[in-house]
N, C-alpha and C. Protein backbone atom coordinates (compact mmCIF):
# COMPACT_ATOMS: atom_id res chain seq x y z
N MET A 1 -43.64 46.82 71.04
CA MET A 1 -44.44 45.79 71.04
C MET A 1 -44.04 44.85 72.35
N PHE A 2 -45.09 44.46 73.01
CA PHE A 2 -44.81 43.76 74.30
C PHE A 2 -45.30 42.26 73.93
N THR A 3 -44.52 41.27 74.14
CA THR A 3 -45.18 39.87 74.10
C THR A 3 -44.79 39.10 75.45
N ASN A 4 -45.62 38.09 75.73
CA ASN A 4 -45.39 37.16 76.91
C ASN A 4 -44.90 35.91 76.29
N ASP A 5 -44.84 34.83 77.07
CA ASP A 5 -44.57 33.39 76.58
C ASP A 5 -45.53 32.81 75.67
N ALA A 6 -46.72 33.31 75.90
CA ALA A 6 -47.95 32.76 75.22
C ALA A 6 -47.82 33.43 73.76
N THR A 7 -47.51 34.65 73.57
CA THR A 7 -47.66 35.48 72.39
C THR A 7 -46.05 35.76 71.76
N HIS A 8 -45.17 35.06 72.18
CA HIS A 8 -43.77 35.31 71.68
C HIS A 8 -43.58 35.09 70.19
N TYR A 9 -44.50 34.27 69.75
CA TYR A 9 -44.44 33.80 68.30
C TYR A 9 -44.67 34.93 67.33
N VAL A 10 -45.34 35.98 67.78
CA VAL A 10 -45.58 37.30 66.99
C VAL A 10 -44.25 38.07 66.68
N ARG A 11 -43.36 38.04 67.71
CA ARG A 11 -42.09 38.46 67.51
C ARG A 11 -41.26 37.61 66.49
N ASP A 12 -41.40 36.40 66.43
CA ASP A 12 -40.77 35.47 65.43
C ASP A 12 -41.44 35.91 64.11
N TYR A 13 -42.61 36.01 63.87
CA TYR A 13 -43.14 36.33 62.74
C TYR A 13 -42.55 37.67 62.09
N LEU A 14 -42.26 38.68 62.94
CA LEU A 14 -41.72 39.99 62.49
C LEU A 14 -40.27 39.75 62.11
N LEU A 15 -39.44 39.00 62.83
CA LEU A 15 -38.24 38.79 62.59
C LEU A 15 -38.02 37.95 61.23
N TYR A 16 -38.88 37.03 61.04
CA TYR A 16 -38.77 36.19 59.77
C TYR A 16 -39.18 37.12 58.62
N ALA A 17 -40.16 37.99 58.79
CA ALA A 17 -40.48 38.90 57.67
C ALA A 17 -39.51 39.89 57.43
N LYS A 18 -38.88 40.40 58.37
CA LYS A 18 -37.77 41.30 58.39
C LYS A 18 -36.48 40.70 57.66
N LYS A 19 -36.34 39.42 58.00
CA LYS A 19 -35.20 38.73 57.39
C LYS A 19 -35.27 38.59 55.68
N ASN A 20 -36.67 38.28 55.41
CA ASN A 20 -36.85 38.01 54.04
C ASN A 20 -37.11 39.31 53.06
N PHE A 21 -37.70 40.42 53.93
CA PHE A 21 -37.87 41.61 53.06
C PHE A 21 -36.59 42.37 52.75
N GLY A 22 -35.69 42.29 53.73
CA GLY A 22 -34.56 43.07 53.75
C GLY A 22 -34.82 44.63 54.07
N GLU A 23 -33.84 45.41 54.16
CA GLU A 23 -33.87 46.77 54.66
C GLU A 23 -34.12 47.63 53.53
N GLY A 24 -34.07 47.36 52.27
CA GLY A 24 -34.41 48.40 51.37
C GLY A 24 -35.61 48.36 50.74
N LYS A 25 -36.59 47.58 51.23
CA LYS A 25 -38.04 47.58 50.74
C LYS A 25 -38.83 48.59 51.26
N GLU A 26 -39.64 49.29 50.13
CA GLU A 26 -40.38 50.34 50.50
C GLU A 26 -41.59 50.12 51.44
N ASN A 27 -41.96 50.91 52.28
CA ASN A 27 -42.95 50.86 53.33
C ASN A 27 -42.69 49.53 54.23
N LEU A 28 -41.27 49.34 54.61
CA LEU A 28 -40.89 48.12 55.27
C LEU A 28 -41.76 47.87 56.50
N LEU A 29 -41.85 48.91 57.30
CA LEU A 29 -42.71 48.91 58.62
C LEU A 29 -44.12 48.23 58.46
N TRP A 30 -44.78 48.86 57.38
CA TRP A 30 -46.07 48.36 57.19
C TRP A 30 -46.17 46.87 56.57
N GLU A 31 -45.18 46.59 55.70
CA GLU A 31 -45.12 45.32 55.21
C GLU A 31 -44.97 44.29 56.22
N LEU A 32 -44.13 44.58 57.26
CA LEU A 32 -43.81 43.71 58.25
C LEU A 32 -45.10 43.60 59.21
N ILE A 33 -45.95 44.67 59.36
CA ILE A 33 -47.20 44.59 60.19
C ILE A 33 -48.14 43.64 59.30
N PHE A 34 -48.30 43.97 57.92
CA PHE A 34 -49.30 43.15 57.27
C PHE A 34 -48.88 41.74 57.34
N HIS A 35 -47.70 41.44 57.07
CA HIS A 35 -47.22 40.04 57.01
C HIS A 35 -47.46 39.41 58.37
N THR A 36 -47.42 40.09 59.32
CA THR A 36 -47.70 39.51 60.85
C THR A 36 -49.12 39.36 60.86
N PHE A 37 -49.98 40.15 60.44
CA PHE A 37 -51.38 39.93 60.51
C PHE A 37 -51.79 38.68 59.46
N ASP A 38 -51.14 38.71 58.52
CA ASP A 38 -51.42 37.44 57.66
C ASP A 38 -51.01 36.00 58.36
N GLN A 39 -50.00 36.16 58.95
CA GLN A 39 -49.68 34.83 59.72
C GLN A 39 -50.56 34.70 60.96
N ILE A 40 -50.91 35.79 61.54
CA ILE A 40 -51.87 35.41 62.71
C ILE A 40 -53.25 35.01 62.13
N SER A 41 -53.72 35.57 61.00
CA SER A 41 -54.92 35.17 60.41
C SER A 41 -54.72 33.69 59.93
N SER A 42 -53.60 33.25 59.46
CA SER A 42 -53.37 31.82 59.05
C SER A 42 -53.54 30.90 60.43
N ASP A 43 -53.06 31.38 61.41
CA ASP A 43 -53.07 30.75 62.76
C ASP A 43 -54.43 30.61 63.13
N TYR A 44 -55.28 31.62 63.04
CA TYR A 44 -56.64 31.74 63.44
C TYR A 44 -57.56 30.53 62.47
N SER A 45 -57.10 30.41 61.25
CA SER A 45 -57.87 29.79 60.19
C SER A 45 -57.56 28.27 60.67
N ASP A 46 -56.16 27.91 60.99
CA ASP A 46 -55.90 26.63 61.43
C ASP A 46 -56.55 26.14 62.69
N GLN A 47 -56.89 27.11 63.68
CA GLN A 47 -57.51 26.89 65.04
C GLN A 47 -58.94 26.56 64.67
N ILE A 48 -59.51 27.35 63.82
CA ILE A 48 -60.92 27.20 63.37
C ILE A 48 -61.28 25.76 62.87
N SER A 49 -60.35 25.34 61.86
CA SER A 49 -60.28 23.97 61.16
C SER A 49 -60.18 22.84 62.32
N GLU A 50 -59.33 23.07 63.33
CA GLU A 50 -59.19 22.16 64.31
C GLU A 50 -60.60 21.98 65.19
N THR A 51 -61.16 23.22 65.33
CA THR A 51 -62.45 23.28 66.06
C THR A 51 -63.50 22.41 65.39
N ASP A 52 -63.60 22.74 63.98
CA ASP A 52 -64.65 22.12 63.12
C ASP A 52 -64.26 20.61 63.13
N SER A 53 -63.10 20.13 63.18
CA SER A 53 -62.96 18.66 63.24
C SER A 53 -63.24 18.19 64.51
N LYS A 54 -63.07 18.83 65.68
CA LYS A 54 -63.60 18.34 66.88
C LYS A 54 -65.15 18.12 66.93
N ARG A 55 -65.74 19.37 66.33
CA ARG A 55 -67.21 19.33 66.29
C ARG A 55 -67.82 18.42 65.33
N ASN A 56 -67.21 18.01 64.21
CA ASN A 56 -67.71 16.83 63.38
C ASN A 56 -67.58 15.51 64.06
N LYS A 57 -66.64 15.38 64.88
CA LYS A 57 -66.35 14.10 65.75
C LYS A 57 -67.52 13.99 66.76
N ILE A 58 -67.95 15.08 67.43
CA ILE A 58 -69.08 15.04 68.34
C ILE A 58 -70.43 14.81 67.61
N GLN A 59 -70.45 15.44 66.47
CA GLN A 59 -71.72 15.14 65.67
C GLN A 59 -71.89 13.67 65.33
N ARG A 60 -70.62 13.05 64.88
CA ARG A 60 -70.92 11.57 64.45
C ARG A 60 -71.19 10.82 65.70
N LEU A 61 -70.71 11.07 66.93
CA LEU A 61 -71.13 10.35 68.04
C LEU A 61 -72.43 10.39 68.46
N ILE A 62 -72.97 11.72 68.16
CA ILE A 62 -74.40 12.02 68.43
C ILE A 62 -75.28 11.23 67.57
N LYS A 63 -74.90 11.14 66.31
CA LYS A 63 -75.78 10.47 65.24
C LYS A 63 -75.77 8.78 65.53
N LYS A 64 -74.75 8.30 66.10
CA LYS A 64 -74.63 6.98 66.43
C LYS A 64 -75.17 6.58 67.90
N HIS A 65 -75.74 7.72 68.54
CA HIS A 65 -76.43 7.62 69.87
C HIS A 65 -75.27 7.23 70.94
N HIS A 66 -73.99 7.63 70.70
CA HIS A 66 -73.03 7.29 71.72
C HIS A 66 -72.56 8.63 72.36
N SER A 67 -73.84 9.21 72.81
CA SER A 67 -73.69 10.55 73.58
C SER A 67 -73.22 10.23 75.10
N SER A 68 -72.54 11.22 75.57
CA SER A 68 -72.28 11.05 77.06
C SER A 68 -71.95 12.46 77.75
N GLU A 69 -71.73 12.51 79.00
CA GLU A 69 -71.61 13.85 79.66
C GLU A 69 -70.24 14.50 79.09
N ASN A 70 -69.30 13.70 78.70
CA ASN A 70 -67.97 14.36 78.15
C ASN A 70 -68.35 15.16 76.95
N GLN A 71 -69.28 14.66 76.11
CA GLN A 71 -69.62 15.58 74.83
C GLN A 71 -70.17 16.95 75.21
N ILE A 72 -70.99 16.92 76.21
CA ILE A 72 -71.59 18.26 76.72
C ILE A 72 -70.30 19.15 77.16
N LEU A 73 -69.46 18.64 77.85
CA LEU A 73 -68.33 19.49 78.21
C LEU A 73 -67.58 19.78 77.03
N ASP A 74 -67.34 18.95 76.14
CA ASP A 74 -66.62 19.39 74.80
C ASP A 74 -67.14 20.51 74.08
N LEU A 75 -68.77 20.30 73.92
CA LEU A 75 -69.19 21.45 73.28
C LEU A 75 -69.08 22.66 74.01
N ALA A 76 -69.27 22.71 75.36
CA ALA A 76 -69.04 23.97 75.97
C ALA A 76 -67.75 24.54 75.85
N GLU A 77 -66.74 23.63 75.78
CA GLU A 77 -65.33 24.17 75.57
C GLU A 77 -65.16 24.69 74.23
N LEU A 78 -65.80 24.14 73.15
CA LEU A 78 -65.72 24.68 71.87
C LEU A 78 -66.46 26.10 71.83
N GLN A 79 -67.58 26.13 72.51
CA GLN A 79 -68.40 27.36 72.61
C GLN A 79 -67.50 28.39 73.00
N ASP A 80 -66.74 28.15 74.24
CA ASP A 80 -65.91 29.15 74.82
C ASP A 80 -64.78 29.55 73.76
N LEU A 81 -64.15 28.46 73.16
CA LEU A 81 -63.11 28.75 72.22
C LEU A 81 -63.51 29.63 70.95
N THR A 82 -64.69 29.41 70.46
CA THR A 82 -65.08 30.12 69.40
C THR A 82 -65.49 31.63 69.78
N THR A 83 -65.79 31.83 70.98
CA THR A 83 -66.08 33.18 71.44
C THR A 83 -64.86 33.90 71.55
N TYR A 84 -63.85 33.28 72.09
CA TYR A 84 -62.49 33.98 72.22
C TYR A 84 -61.86 34.33 70.80
N LEU A 85 -61.98 33.32 70.05
CA LEU A 85 -61.60 33.57 68.58
C LEU A 85 -62.34 34.58 67.95
N SER A 86 -63.63 34.65 68.13
CA SER A 86 -64.38 35.76 67.45
C SER A 86 -64.03 37.14 67.98
N THR A 87 -63.77 37.12 69.21
CA THR A 87 -63.39 38.57 69.85
C THR A 87 -62.04 38.94 69.36
N ALA A 88 -61.16 37.94 69.39
CA ALA A 88 -59.92 38.39 68.94
C ALA A 88 -59.86 38.78 67.36
N ILE A 89 -60.50 38.11 66.55
CA ILE A 89 -60.47 38.31 65.16
C ILE A 89 -61.32 39.62 64.85
N SER A 90 -62.25 39.80 65.60
CA SER A 90 -62.96 41.10 65.45
C SER A 90 -62.11 42.36 65.70
N GLY A 91 -61.24 42.34 66.84
CA GLY A 91 -60.36 43.18 67.03
C GLY A 91 -59.35 43.39 65.87
N ASN A 92 -58.78 42.33 65.23
CA ASN A 92 -57.84 42.47 64.07
C ASN A 92 -58.66 43.27 62.90
N VAL A 93 -59.98 42.85 62.72
CA VAL A 93 -60.71 43.35 61.62
C VAL A 93 -60.84 44.91 61.80
N THR A 94 -61.08 45.19 62.97
CA THR A 94 -61.22 46.73 63.32
C THR A 94 -59.90 47.49 63.13
N VAL A 95 -58.79 46.94 63.48
CA VAL A 95 -57.55 47.61 63.27
C VAL A 95 -57.15 47.76 61.83
N LEU A 96 -57.51 46.55 60.92
CA LEU A 96 -57.16 46.75 59.68
C LEU A 96 -58.06 47.64 58.84
N ASN A 97 -59.24 47.69 59.16
CA ASN A 97 -60.21 48.69 58.65
C ASN A 97 -59.77 50.13 58.96
N GLU A 98 -59.37 50.31 60.04
CA GLU A 98 -58.88 51.67 60.45
C GLU A 98 -57.53 51.94 59.59
N ILE A 99 -56.83 51.13 59.41
CA ILE A 99 -55.53 51.39 58.77
C ILE A 99 -55.89 51.71 57.16
N GLU A 100 -56.89 50.92 56.79
CA GLU A 100 -57.30 50.94 55.30
C GLU A 100 -57.97 52.34 55.09
N LEU A 101 -58.88 52.85 56.07
CA LEU A 101 -59.38 54.19 56.05
C LEU A 101 -58.33 55.16 56.13
N ILE A 102 -57.49 55.06 56.98
CA ILE A 102 -56.36 56.10 56.96
C ILE A 102 -55.59 56.27 55.65
N SER A 103 -55.23 55.01 55.17
CA SER A 103 -54.57 54.88 53.94
C SER A 103 -55.37 55.47 52.66
N SER A 104 -56.67 55.74 52.79
CA SER A 104 -57.35 56.22 51.68
C SER A 104 -57.19 57.62 51.60
N GLY A 105 -56.67 58.45 52.69
CA GLY A 105 -56.43 59.74 52.72
C GLY A 105 -57.59 60.55 53.18
N LYS A 106 -58.63 59.85 53.54
CA LYS A 106 -59.93 60.62 54.10
C LYS A 106 -59.81 61.30 55.40
N VAL A 107 -58.85 60.49 56.38
CA VAL A 107 -58.68 61.00 57.65
C VAL A 107 -57.42 61.69 57.75
N GLN A 108 -56.37 61.20 57.41
CA GLN A 108 -55.10 61.88 57.41
C GLN A 108 -54.23 61.05 56.08
N GLN A 109 -53.18 61.51 55.90
CA GLN A 109 -52.29 61.06 54.78
C GLN A 109 -51.45 59.97 55.34
N LEU A 110 -51.50 58.86 54.67
CA LEU A 110 -50.58 57.76 55.06
C LEU A 110 -50.20 57.22 53.58
N HIS A 111 -48.89 57.47 53.26
CA HIS A 111 -48.37 57.21 52.16
C HIS A 111 -47.93 55.64 51.83
N LEU A 112 -48.73 54.97 51.12
CA LEU A 112 -48.38 53.58 50.99
C LEU A 112 -48.12 53.31 49.41
N THR A 113 -47.17 52.58 49.11
CA THR A 113 -46.95 52.07 47.51
C THR A 113 -48.17 51.46 47.31
N LYS A 114 -48.28 51.09 45.95
CA LYS A 114 -49.48 50.52 45.27
C LYS A 114 -49.34 49.07 45.84
N ALA A 115 -48.17 48.34 45.87
CA ALA A 115 -48.11 47.05 46.28
C ALA A 115 -48.33 46.81 47.66
N THR A 116 -48.03 47.73 48.61
CA THR A 116 -48.32 47.71 50.07
C THR A 116 -49.71 47.87 50.27
N HIS A 117 -50.32 48.77 49.50
CA HIS A 117 -51.79 49.08 49.51
C HIS A 117 -52.58 47.83 49.19
N GLU A 118 -52.02 47.03 48.21
CA GLU A 118 -52.90 45.91 47.76
C GLU A 118 -52.60 44.82 48.84
N HIS A 119 -51.48 44.85 49.41
CA HIS A 119 -51.21 43.91 50.54
C HIS A 119 -52.20 44.18 51.59
N LEU A 120 -52.47 45.35 51.86
CA LEU A 120 -53.29 45.76 52.95
C LEU A 120 -54.59 45.38 52.77
N HIS A 121 -55.02 45.54 51.36
CA HIS A 121 -56.37 45.12 50.95
C HIS A 121 -56.61 43.61 51.02
N ASP A 122 -55.63 42.92 50.57
CA ASP A 122 -55.77 41.49 50.62
C ASP A 122 -55.80 40.95 52.20
N SER A 123 -55.17 41.66 53.05
CA SER A 123 -55.14 41.21 54.54
C SER A 123 -56.63 41.46 54.97
N VAL A 124 -57.02 42.42 54.69
CA VAL A 124 -58.56 42.93 55.04
C VAL A 124 -59.43 41.79 54.58
N ILE A 125 -59.38 41.48 53.38
CA ILE A 125 -60.21 40.48 52.63
C ILE A 125 -60.01 39.14 53.54
N GLU A 126 -58.87 38.81 53.78
CA GLU A 126 -58.53 37.53 54.40
C GLU A 126 -59.28 37.34 55.81
N ILE A 127 -58.80 38.43 56.64
CA ILE A 127 -59.34 38.54 57.95
C ILE A 127 -60.98 38.48 58.04
N GLU A 128 -61.35 39.21 57.24
CA GLU A 128 -63.05 39.19 57.09
C GLU A 128 -63.57 37.80 56.82
N GLN A 129 -62.81 37.15 55.71
CA GLN A 129 -63.27 35.65 55.60
C GLN A 129 -63.18 35.00 56.82
N ILE A 130 -62.12 35.08 57.51
CA ILE A 130 -61.85 34.23 58.64
C ILE A 130 -62.94 34.57 59.79
N LYS A 131 -63.36 35.86 59.78
CA LYS A 131 -64.29 36.29 60.74
C LYS A 131 -65.68 35.60 60.36
N ASN A 132 -65.98 35.66 59.06
CA ASN A 132 -67.22 34.92 58.67
C ASN A 132 -67.12 33.48 59.08
N GLN A 133 -65.89 32.79 58.93
CA GLN A 133 -65.72 31.44 59.09
C GLN A 133 -65.97 31.26 60.63
N VAL A 134 -65.51 31.83 61.39
CA VAL A 134 -65.61 31.71 62.96
C VAL A 134 -67.00 31.83 63.49
N ASN A 135 -67.63 32.93 62.83
CA ASN A 135 -69.06 33.17 63.18
C ASN A 135 -69.96 31.78 62.73
N LEU A 136 -69.70 31.40 61.49
CA LEU A 136 -70.40 30.09 61.11
C LEU A 136 -70.00 29.01 62.04
N SER A 137 -68.86 28.80 62.32
CA SER A 137 -68.69 27.66 63.26
C SER A 137 -69.17 27.87 64.60
N SER A 138 -69.23 28.97 65.04
CA SER A 138 -69.96 29.36 66.42
C SER A 138 -71.35 29.00 66.16
N ASP A 139 -71.94 29.49 65.16
CA ASP A 139 -73.51 29.26 65.03
C ASP A 139 -73.74 27.71 65.03
N ILE A 140 -72.96 27.01 64.19
CA ILE A 140 -73.13 25.45 63.96
C ILE A 140 -73.07 24.84 65.44
N ILE A 141 -72.01 25.24 66.19
CA ILE A 141 -71.62 24.73 67.55
C ILE A 141 -72.96 24.91 68.51
N ASP A 142 -73.31 26.23 68.36
CA ASP A 142 -74.70 26.47 69.37
C ASP A 142 -75.75 25.61 68.84
N ARG A 143 -76.03 25.41 67.52
CA ARG A 143 -77.18 24.71 67.06
C ARG A 143 -76.92 23.17 67.54
N ILE A 144 -75.62 22.68 67.43
CA ILE A 144 -75.52 21.28 67.80
C ILE A 144 -75.93 21.16 69.28
N SER A 145 -75.29 22.15 70.19
CA SER A 145 -75.46 22.17 71.56
C SER A 145 -77.05 21.98 71.89
N ASN A 146 -77.78 22.97 71.17
CA ASN A 146 -79.23 23.13 71.37
C ASN A 146 -80.00 21.63 70.96
N THR A 147 -79.44 21.02 69.84
CA THR A 147 -79.96 19.75 69.37
C THR A 147 -79.65 18.73 70.44
N TYR A 148 -78.43 18.77 70.88
CA TYR A 148 -77.96 17.83 71.78
C TYR A 148 -78.97 17.92 73.15
N ASN A 149 -79.17 19.18 73.53
CA ASN A 149 -80.08 19.30 74.68
C ASN A 149 -81.24 18.88 74.51
N ASN A 150 -81.98 18.93 73.23
CA ASN A 150 -83.16 18.51 72.89
C ASN A 150 -83.33 17.07 72.92
N ILE A 151 -82.30 16.40 72.50
CA ILE A 151 -82.03 14.90 72.48
C ILE A 151 -82.20 14.34 73.82
N LEU A 152 -81.38 15.09 74.80
CA LEU A 152 -81.35 14.57 76.07
C LEU A 152 -82.73 14.74 76.88
N ASN A 153 -83.38 15.74 76.50
CA ASN A 153 -84.70 16.07 77.12
C ASN A 153 -85.65 15.14 76.54
N ASN A 154 -85.61 14.79 75.33
CA ASN A 154 -86.52 13.68 74.71
C ASN A 154 -86.36 12.35 75.44
N ARG A 155 -84.91 12.03 75.63
CA ARG A 155 -84.58 10.84 76.30
C ARG A 155 -85.21 10.82 77.65
N THR A 156 -85.09 11.96 78.50
CA THR A 156 -85.74 11.90 79.73
C THR A 156 -87.21 11.91 79.73
N ASN A 157 -87.86 12.48 78.63
CA ASN A 157 -89.28 12.31 78.86
C ASN A 157 -89.79 10.89 78.38
N THR A 158 -89.06 10.33 77.49
CA THR A 158 -89.37 8.78 77.18
C THR A 158 -89.18 8.04 78.49
N THR A 159 -88.09 8.03 79.17
CA THR A 159 -87.96 7.49 80.42
C THR A 159 -88.87 7.75 81.35
N MET A 160 -89.31 8.96 81.59
CA MET A 160 -90.33 9.30 82.59
C MET A 160 -91.66 8.49 82.09
N LYS A 161 -91.95 8.75 80.79
CA LYS A 161 -93.22 8.00 80.20
C LYS A 161 -93.12 6.67 80.50
N VAL A 162 -91.95 5.89 80.12
CA VAL A 162 -92.05 4.34 80.40
C VAL A 162 -92.36 4.08 81.85
N LEU A 163 -91.57 4.71 82.78
CA LEU A 163 -91.82 4.54 84.28
C LEU A 163 -93.13 4.80 84.67
N THR A 164 -93.82 5.93 84.15
CA THR A 164 -95.20 6.03 84.39
C THR A 164 -96.19 4.94 83.95
N VAL A 165 -95.97 4.34 82.65
CA VAL A 165 -96.67 3.21 82.41
C VAL A 165 -96.53 2.10 83.29
N TYR A 166 -95.23 1.83 83.51
CA TYR A 166 -94.96 0.80 84.35
C TYR A 166 -95.53 0.81 85.87
N THR A 167 -95.58 2.05 86.28
CA THR A 167 -96.15 2.39 87.65
C THR A 167 -97.76 2.02 87.55
N ILE A 168 -98.50 2.57 86.48
CA ILE A 168 -99.84 2.25 86.26
C ILE A 168 -100.16 0.79 86.31
N ILE A 169 -99.40 0.11 85.42
CA ILE A 169 -99.75 -1.31 85.14
C ILE A 169 -99.42 -2.19 86.39
N LEU A 170 -98.35 -1.93 87.20
CA LEU A 170 -97.98 -2.59 88.39
C LEU A 170 -99.03 -2.34 89.35
N SER A 171 -99.65 -1.12 89.44
CA SER A 171 -100.56 -0.82 90.58
C SER A 171 -101.93 -1.46 90.37
N ILE A 172 -102.23 -1.93 89.15
CA ILE A 172 -103.67 -2.42 88.93
C ILE A 172 -103.67 -3.98 89.74
N PRO A 173 -102.74 -4.85 89.65
CA PRO A 173 -102.84 -5.96 90.38
C PRO A 173 -103.08 -5.89 91.89
N THR A 174 -102.46 -4.73 92.47
CA THR A 174 -102.54 -4.42 93.83
C THR A 174 -103.93 -3.93 94.17
N ILE A 175 -104.66 -3.22 93.29
CA ILE A 175 -105.74 -2.75 93.54
C ILE A 175 -106.80 -3.76 93.47
N VAL A 176 -106.92 -4.71 92.56
CA VAL A 176 -107.76 -5.74 92.52
C VAL A 176 -107.62 -6.82 93.56
N SER A 177 -106.39 -7.00 93.84
CA SER A 177 -106.24 -8.11 94.92
C SER A 177 -106.53 -7.49 96.12
N GLY A 178 -106.44 -6.01 96.27
CA GLY A 178 -106.77 -5.60 97.59
C GLY A 178 -108.26 -5.48 97.79
N PHE A 179 -109.05 -5.36 96.72
CA PHE A 179 -110.55 -5.59 96.81
C PHE A 179 -110.88 -6.94 97.23
N TYR A 180 -110.30 -7.97 96.69
CA TYR A 180 -110.60 -9.29 97.16
C TYR A 180 -110.11 -9.71 98.33
N GLY A 181 -109.32 -8.81 99.05
CA GLY A 181 -108.57 -9.28 100.13
C GLY A 181 -109.36 -8.68 101.39
N MET A 182 -110.40 -7.89 101.03
CA MET A 182 -111.28 -7.18 102.07
C MET A 182 -112.34 -8.17 102.59
N ASN A 183 -112.76 -8.09 103.62
CA ASN A 183 -113.69 -8.74 104.39
C ASN A 183 -115.11 -8.25 104.04
N MET A 184 -115.41 -8.41 102.71
CA MET A 184 -116.80 -7.89 102.41
C MET A 184 -117.21 -8.84 101.24
N LYS A 185 -118.51 -8.84 100.89
CA LYS A 185 -118.99 -9.64 99.87
C LYS A 185 -118.68 -9.09 98.59
N LEU A 186 -118.08 -9.90 97.59
CA LEU A 186 -117.73 -9.58 96.33
C LEU A 186 -118.25 -10.69 95.32
N PRO A 187 -118.44 -10.29 94.12
CA PRO A 187 -118.89 -11.25 93.05
C PRO A 187 -117.79 -12.46 93.05
N VAL A 188 -118.39 -13.58 93.07
CA VAL A 188 -117.59 -14.96 92.81
C VAL A 188 -116.30 -14.92 93.90
N ALA A 189 -116.40 -14.17 95.00
CA ALA A 189 -115.32 -14.26 95.98
C ALA A 189 -115.37 -15.44 96.78
N ASP A 190 -116.42 -16.37 96.77
CA ASP A 190 -116.48 -17.42 97.61
C ASP A 190 -116.38 -18.68 96.70
N GLN A 191 -115.84 -18.41 95.49
CA GLN A 191 -115.75 -19.63 94.63
C GLN A 191 -114.29 -20.04 94.67
N GLU A 192 -113.90 -21.30 94.27
CA GLU A 192 -112.60 -21.76 94.34
C GLU A 192 -111.76 -21.05 93.12
N TRP A 193 -112.43 -20.81 92.09
CA TRP A 193 -111.77 -20.31 91.00
C TRP A 193 -111.71 -18.71 90.94
N SER A 194 -112.00 -17.96 92.26
CA SER A 194 -112.00 -16.62 92.29
C SER A 194 -110.75 -16.03 91.90
N TRP A 195 -109.57 -16.60 92.34
CA TRP A 195 -108.37 -16.00 92.04
C TRP A 195 -107.97 -15.86 90.56
N ILE A 196 -108.69 -16.93 89.81
CA ILE A 196 -108.65 -16.86 88.29
C ILE A 196 -109.34 -15.61 87.73
N PHE A 197 -110.59 -15.58 88.47
CA PHE A 197 -111.41 -14.38 88.16
C PHE A 197 -110.76 -13.04 88.22
N SER A 198 -109.98 -12.95 89.38
CA SER A 198 -109.29 -11.65 89.70
C SER A 198 -108.09 -11.54 88.62
N LEU A 199 -107.44 -12.60 88.27
CA LEU A 199 -106.47 -12.53 87.32
C LEU A 199 -106.91 -11.97 85.83
N ILE A 200 -108.14 -12.51 85.60
CA ILE A 200 -108.68 -12.19 84.34
C ILE A 200 -109.03 -10.68 84.33
N ILE A 201 -109.72 -10.25 85.53
CA ILE A 201 -110.02 -8.72 85.61
C ILE A 201 -108.81 -8.05 85.65
N THR A 202 -107.65 -8.23 86.23
CA THR A 202 -106.38 -7.62 86.16
C THR A 202 -106.00 -7.49 84.74
N ILE A 203 -105.86 -8.55 83.97
CA ILE A 203 -105.36 -8.44 82.63
C ILE A 203 -106.37 -7.65 81.72
N VAL A 204 -107.59 -7.85 81.85
CA VAL A 204 -108.62 -6.99 80.99
C VAL A 204 -108.32 -5.56 81.36
N ILE A 205 -108.14 -5.10 82.61
CA ILE A 205 -108.00 -3.61 82.70
C ILE A 205 -106.48 -3.19 82.27
N ILE A 206 -105.57 -4.03 82.53
CA ILE A 206 -104.33 -3.56 82.00
C ILE A 206 -104.24 -3.47 80.47
N LEU A 207 -104.92 -4.37 79.75
CA LEU A 207 -105.16 -4.28 78.27
C LEU A 207 -105.85 -3.07 77.78
N ILE A 208 -106.84 -2.61 78.63
CA ILE A 208 -107.71 -1.44 78.40
C ILE A 208 -106.76 -0.18 78.44
N ILE A 209 -106.10 -0.20 79.52
CA ILE A 209 -105.23 0.90 79.82
C ILE A 209 -104.10 1.07 78.78
N LEU A 210 -103.40 0.00 78.36
CA LEU A 210 -102.39 -0.16 77.40
C LEU A 210 -103.03 0.50 75.94
N TRP A 211 -104.29 0.04 75.74
CA TRP A 211 -104.80 0.33 74.44
C TRP A 211 -105.18 1.85 74.41
N ASP A 212 -105.72 2.35 75.62
CA ASP A 212 -105.78 3.96 75.72
C ASP A 212 -104.74 4.74 75.57
N LEU A 213 -103.44 4.16 76.25
CA LEU A 213 -102.25 4.93 76.14
C LEU A 213 -101.78 5.01 74.80
N HIS A 214 -101.95 3.83 73.99
CA HIS A 214 -101.48 3.81 72.64
C HIS A 214 -102.31 4.60 71.88
N ARG A 215 -103.63 4.76 72.03
CA ARG A 215 -104.69 5.52 71.42
C ARG A 215 -104.29 6.99 71.51
N ARG A 216 -103.97 7.44 72.80
CA ARG A 216 -103.53 8.79 73.03
C ARG A 216 -102.28 9.18 72.44
N ASN A 217 -101.29 8.28 72.39
CA ASN A 217 -99.97 8.62 71.71
C ASN A 217 -100.04 8.70 70.24
N SER A 218 -101.09 8.03 69.65
CA SER A 218 -101.29 8.16 68.07
C SER A 218 -101.94 9.34 67.61
N LEU A 219 -102.73 9.94 68.57
CA LEU A 219 -103.55 11.25 68.26
C LEU A 219 -102.59 12.32 67.85
C-alpha cells in the first residue's frame, strides 16, 4: 500500500487495528482491511456532517435575506466537495461489493470465517448508507444553489422593474414641459396659471400610468 502525506492516516488505521486484533486472529488480513474501511467510512460521515452544517448556515442566511457573493462561492465549494466525496465513496462501495461477491463463492473461493463475513456485510451496509447520505446532501445543495439563483434573478427583475417605472414617471414632466416650451399655440399657454395647468396634466398622466402598471401587475 502506498500513501502520501495527505493519506498517511490510512497506515495509522491499519497499525492500530493490527495492534488491537493481535497476530492470532483468524482472517487477520481481511479484518484489517474491513476495519480500515470502517474507519474511512466514519471519516466520510464526519465530513458529510460538516458539509451539512455549513449548508444549514447558508440556508439560515438566505432565509434572513443576508445573502452575498461569499455564499455563492461557499455553495460552489460545497458542490465540489460533495462531488469528490461521492466519487470516492462510490469507489469504496464497488470494492466492497466485489469482495462480497467473491466471498460468496460465485466467482472464486475466498474462505472467510462467519464473523469476518458478517463484518464484511456490515461494512457494505455502512458504506452504502453513507453513499445515500452524500447523494442526499449533494441534491439538497444543488437545490439550494438553484433556489439562490432564482432569488437573485427575482431581485434583479424587481430592480429593473422599479428603475423602469421611475424612468417612465420622470420622463412625463419632461414631455409635458417640452410641449409648453415650444413656440406654438397650445391650450391656456398664454395664461398666467398655465404652469399650474401643466403640473396638473403631469400629475394626472403619472397617476394614470401608475394605475395601469398596478392593474397589469395584479392580473
